[in-house]
């Protein structure tokens, strides 16, 4: 896997001091959010096809590029952390009505294998 270089340059860019979180249990979501918990197999497949690199290279307008690279970096860190534990997987949380005014907000979390489907 590749770790993406990124800089804090917009409101949506990743902080410079990100670190991978240790896998935990499933993250609770609010009634307005959606969540998907990948299987361990799907998490492995996402890593094997280089999904973070695919996300980072999507053709999008220049003004969204730094946010897109930050999203890819966040996903990459969750993948790496999840796969560093036996049976680990990734949970995706989508907020369709974020207070930031964005269309959607996505968050990725590493989940310990004992909580993965």
C-alpha atoms as a PDB file:
ATOM      1  CA  UNK A   1       0.000   0.000   0.000  1.00  0.00           C
ATOM      2  CA  UNK A   2       1.000   3.565  -0.550  1.00  0.00           C
ATOM      3  CA  UNK A   3       0.898   6.295   2.048  1.00  0.00           C
ATOM      4  CA  UNK A   4      -0.238   9.505   0.425  1.00  0.00           C
ATOM      5  CA  UNK A   5       1.549  12.793   0.920  1.00  0.00           C
ATOM      6  CA  UNK A   6      -0.898  15.557   1.742  1.00  0.00           C
ATOM      7  CA  UNK A   7      -0.834  19.026   3.153  1.00  0.00           C
ATOM      8  CA  UNK A   8      -3.362  21.027   5.094  1.00  0.00           C
ATOM      9  CA  UNK A   9      -4.364  23.533   2.448  1.00  0.00           C
ATOM     10  CA  UNK A  10      -8.135  23.653   2.547  1.00  0.00           C
ATOM     11  CA  UNK A  11     -10.906  23.156   5.027  1.00  0.00           C
ATOM     12  CA  UNK A  12     -11.231  19.573   3.839  1.00  0.00           C
ATOM     13  CA  UNK A  13      -7.573  18.574   3.703  1.00  0.00           C
ATOM     14  CA  UNK A  14      -6.152  16.095   6.178  1.00  0.00           C
ATOM     15  CA  UNK A  15      -4.271  17.281   9.254  1.00  0.00           C
ATOM     16  CA  UNK A  16      -0.511  16.975   8.882  1.00  0.00           C
ATOM     17  CA  UNK A  17      -0.205  14.863  12.021  1.00  0.00           C
ATOM     18  CA  UNK A  18      -2.623  12.041  11.224  1.00  0.00           C
ATOM     19  CA  UNK A  19      -1.807   8.670  12.710  1.00  0.00           C
ATOM     20  CA  UNK A  20      -3.493   5.350  12.215  1.00  0.00           C
ATOM     21  CA  UNK A  21      -6.025   4.430  14.857  1.00  0.00           C
ATOM     22  CA  UNK A  22      -5.912   1.051  16.517  1.00  0.00           C
ATOM     23  CA  UNK A  23      -8.834  -1.127  15.450  1.00  0.00           C
ATOM     24  CA  UNK A  24     -11.770  -0.994  17.835  1.00  0.00           C
ATOM     25  CA  UNK A  25     -15.354  -2.164  17.848  1.00  0.00           C
ATOM     26  CA  UNK A  26     -17.996  -0.911  15.446  1.00  0.00           C
ATOM     27  CA  UNK A  27     -18.587   2.861  15.602  1.00  0.00           C
ATOM     28  CA  UNK A  28     -22.117   3.950  16.493  1.00  0.00           C
ATOM     29  CA  UNK A  29     -23.893   6.239  14.059  1.00  0.00           C
ATOM     30  CA  UNK A  30     -26.708   8.746  14.420  1.00  0.00           C
ATOM     31  CA  UNK A  31     -30.155   8.182  12.946  1.00  0.00           C
ATOM     32  CA  UNK A  32     -29.277  10.416   9.987  1.00  0.00           C
ATOM     33  CA  UNK A  33     -26.001   8.638   9.117  1.00  0.00           C
ATOM     34  CA  UNK A  34     -25.402   5.487   7.113  1.00  0.00           C
ATOM     35  CA  UNK A  35     -22.747   2.887   7.795  1.00  0.00           C
ATOM     36  CA  UNK A  36     -21.235  -0.058   5.977  1.00  0.00           C
ATOM     37  CA  UNK A  37     -18.950  -2.608   7.588  1.00  0.00           C
ATOM     38  CA  UNK A  38     -16.866  -4.446   5.029  1.00  0.00           C
ATOM     39  CA  UNK A  39     -16.039  -8.096   5.509  1.00  0.00           C
ATOM     40  CA  UNK A  40     -12.406  -8.998   6.101  1.00  0.00           C
ATOM     41  CA  UNK A  41     -12.332 -10.407   2.574  1.00  0.00           C
ATOM     42  CA  UNK A  42     -13.669  -7.173   1.048  1.00  0.00           C
ATOM     43  CA  UNK A  43     -11.128  -5.194   3.091  1.00  0.00           C
ATOM     44  CA  UNK A  44      -8.315  -7.386   1.760  1.00  0.00           C
ATOM     45  CA  UNK A  45      -9.612  -6.987  -1.788  1.00  0.00           C
ATOM     46  CA  UNK A  46      -9.780  -3.174  -1.440  1.00  0.00           C
ATOM     47  CA  UNK A  47      -6.134  -3.192  -0.384  1.00  0.00           C
ATOM     48  CA  UNK A  48      -5.060  -5.617  -3.114  1.00  0.00           C
ATOM     49  CA  UNK A  49      -6.560  -3.516  -5.916  1.00  0.00           C
ATOM     50  CA  UNK A  50      -5.093  -0.310  -4.492  1.00  0.00           C
ATOM     51  CA  UNK A  51      -8.442   1.328  -3.779  1.00  0.00           C
ATOM     52  CA  UNK A  52      -6.864   4.304  -1.971  1.00  0.00           C
ATOM     53  CA  UNK A  53      -4.821   5.047  -5.092  1.00  0.00           C
ATOM     54  CA  UNK A  54      -7.955   4.758  -7.239  1.00  0.00           C
ATOM     55  CA  UNK A  55      -9.776   7.249  -4.994  1.00  0.00           C
ATOM     56  CA  UNK A  56      -6.843   9.689  -5.092  1.00  0.00           C
ATOM     57  CA  UNK A  57      -6.646   9.550  -8.886  1.00  0.00           C
ATOM     58  CA  UNK A  58     -10.320  10.118  -9.661  1.00  0.00           C
ATOM     59  CA  UNK A  59     -10.741  12.870 -12.248  1.00  0.00           C
ATOM     60  CA  UNK A  60     -12.319  15.705 -10.278  1.00  0.00           C
ATOM     61  CA  UNK A  61     -12.203  19.505 -10.446  1.00  0.00           C
ATOM     62  CA  UNK A  62      -8.951  20.991  -9.151  1.00  0.00           C
ATOM     63  CA  UNK A  63     -10.619  22.729  -6.191  1.00  0.00           C
ATOM     64  CA  UNK A  64     -11.609  19.320  -4.758  1.00  0.00           C
ATOM     65  CA  UNK A  65      -8.283  17.592  -5.372  1.00  0.00           C
ATOM     66  CA  UNK A  66      -6.786  18.164  -1.901  1.00  0.00           C
ATOM     67  CA  UNK A  67      -9.970  16.932  -0.209  1.00  0.00           C
ATOM     68  CA  UNK A  68      -9.986  13.862  -2.447  1.00  0.00           C
ATOM     69  CA  UNK A  69      -6.358  13.035  -1.633  1.00  0.00           C
ATOM     70  CA  UNK A  70      -7.134  13.492   2.074  1.00  0.00           C
ATOM     71  CA  UNK A  71     -10.086  11.113   1.745  1.00  0.00           C
ATOM     72  CA  UNK A  72      -7.836   8.545   0.051  1.00  0.00           C
ATOM     73  CA  UNK A  73      -5.220   8.939   2.788  1.00  0.00           C
ATOM     74  CA  UNK A  74      -7.829   8.451   5.515  1.00  0.00           C
ATOM     75  CA  UNK A  75      -9.097   5.309   3.789  1.00  0.00           C
ATOM     76  CA  UNK A  76      -5.544   4.016   3.322  1.00  0.00           C
ATOM     77  CA  UNK A  77      -4.778   4.443   7.031  1.00  0.00           C
ATOM     78  CA  UNK A  78      -7.981   2.649   8.034  1.00  0.00           C
ATOM     79  CA  UNK A  79      -7.136  -0.203   5.616  1.00  0.00           C
ATOM     80  CA  UNK A  80      -3.587  -0.570   6.909  1.00  0.00           C
ATOM     81  CA  UNK A  81      -4.690  -0.496  10.530  1.00  0.00           C
ATOM     82  CA  UNK A  82      -7.528  -2.990   9.958  1.00  0.00           C
ATOM     83  CA  UNK A  83      -5.310  -5.426   8.076  1.00  0.00           C
ATOM     84  CA  UNK A  84      -2.625  -5.266  10.767  1.00  0.00           C
ATOM     85  CA  UNK A  85      -4.938  -7.323  12.991  1.00  0.00           C
ATOM     86  CA  UNK A  86      -6.351 -10.813  12.394  1.00  0.00           C
ATOM     87  CA  UNK A  87      -9.699 -10.625  10.603  1.00  0.00           C
ATOM     88  CA  UNK A  88      -9.823  -6.803  10.692  1.00  0.00           C
ATOM     89  CA  UNK A  89     -12.104  -4.815   8.430  1.00  0.00           C
ATOM     90  CA  UNK A  90     -13.073  -1.247   7.571  1.00  0.00           C
ATOM     91  CA  UNK A  91     -16.226   0.603   8.573  1.00  0.00           C
ATOM     92  CA  UNK A  92     -17.431   3.489   6.423  1.00  0.00           C
ATOM     93  CA  UNK A  93     -19.734   6.123   7.931  1.00  0.00           C
ATOM     94  CA  UNK A  94     -21.567   8.507   5.600  1.00  0.00           C
ATOM     95  CA  UNK A  95     -23.278  11.638   6.854  1.00  0.00           C
ATOM     96  CA  UNK A  96     -25.650  12.910   4.137  1.00  0.00           C
ATOM     97  CA  UNK A  97     -26.373  16.134   6.059  1.00  0.00           C
ATOM     98  CA  UNK A  98     -23.091  17.295   7.550  1.00  0.00           C
ATOM     99  CA  UNK A  99     -23.014  20.547   9.501  1.00  0.00           C
ATOM    100  CA  UNK A 100     -20.045  21.669   7.367  1.00  0.00           C
ATOM    101  CA  UNK A 101     -22.309  22.303   4.379  1.00  0.00           C
ATOM    102  CA  UNK A 102     -20.673  19.606   2.234  1.00  0.00           C
ATOM    103  CA  UNK A 103     -22.886  17.360   0.167  1.00  0.00           C
ATOM    104  CA  UNK A 104     -21.636  14.284   2.090  1.00  0.00           C
ATOM    105  CA  UNK A 105     -19.038  13.570   4.745  1.00  0.00           C
ATOM    106  CA  UNK A 106     -17.269  10.201   4.761  1.00  0.00           C
ATOM    107  CA  UNK A 107     -15.298   8.725   7.644  1.00  0.00           C
ATOM    108  CA  UNK A 108     -13.354   5.459   7.717  1.00  0.00           C
ATOM    109  CA  UNK A 109     -12.541   3.358  10.776  1.00  0.00           C
ATOM    110  CA  UNK A 110     -10.469   0.237  11.354  1.00  0.00           C
ATOM    111  CA  UNK A 111     -12.530  -2.446  13.078  1.00  0.00           C
ATOM    112  CA  UNK A 112     -11.025  -5.315  15.054  1.00  0.00           C
ATOM    113  CA  UNK A 113     -11.617  -8.747  13.537  1.00  0.00           C
ATOM    114  CA  UNK A 114     -13.890  -9.945  16.333  1.00  0.00           C
ATOM    115  CA  UNK A 115     -16.481  -7.318  15.252  1.00  0.00           C
ATOM    116  CA  UNK A 116     -16.247  -7.895  11.503  1.00  0.00           C
ATOM    117  CA  UNK A 117     -18.896  -9.763   9.532  1.00  0.00           C
END
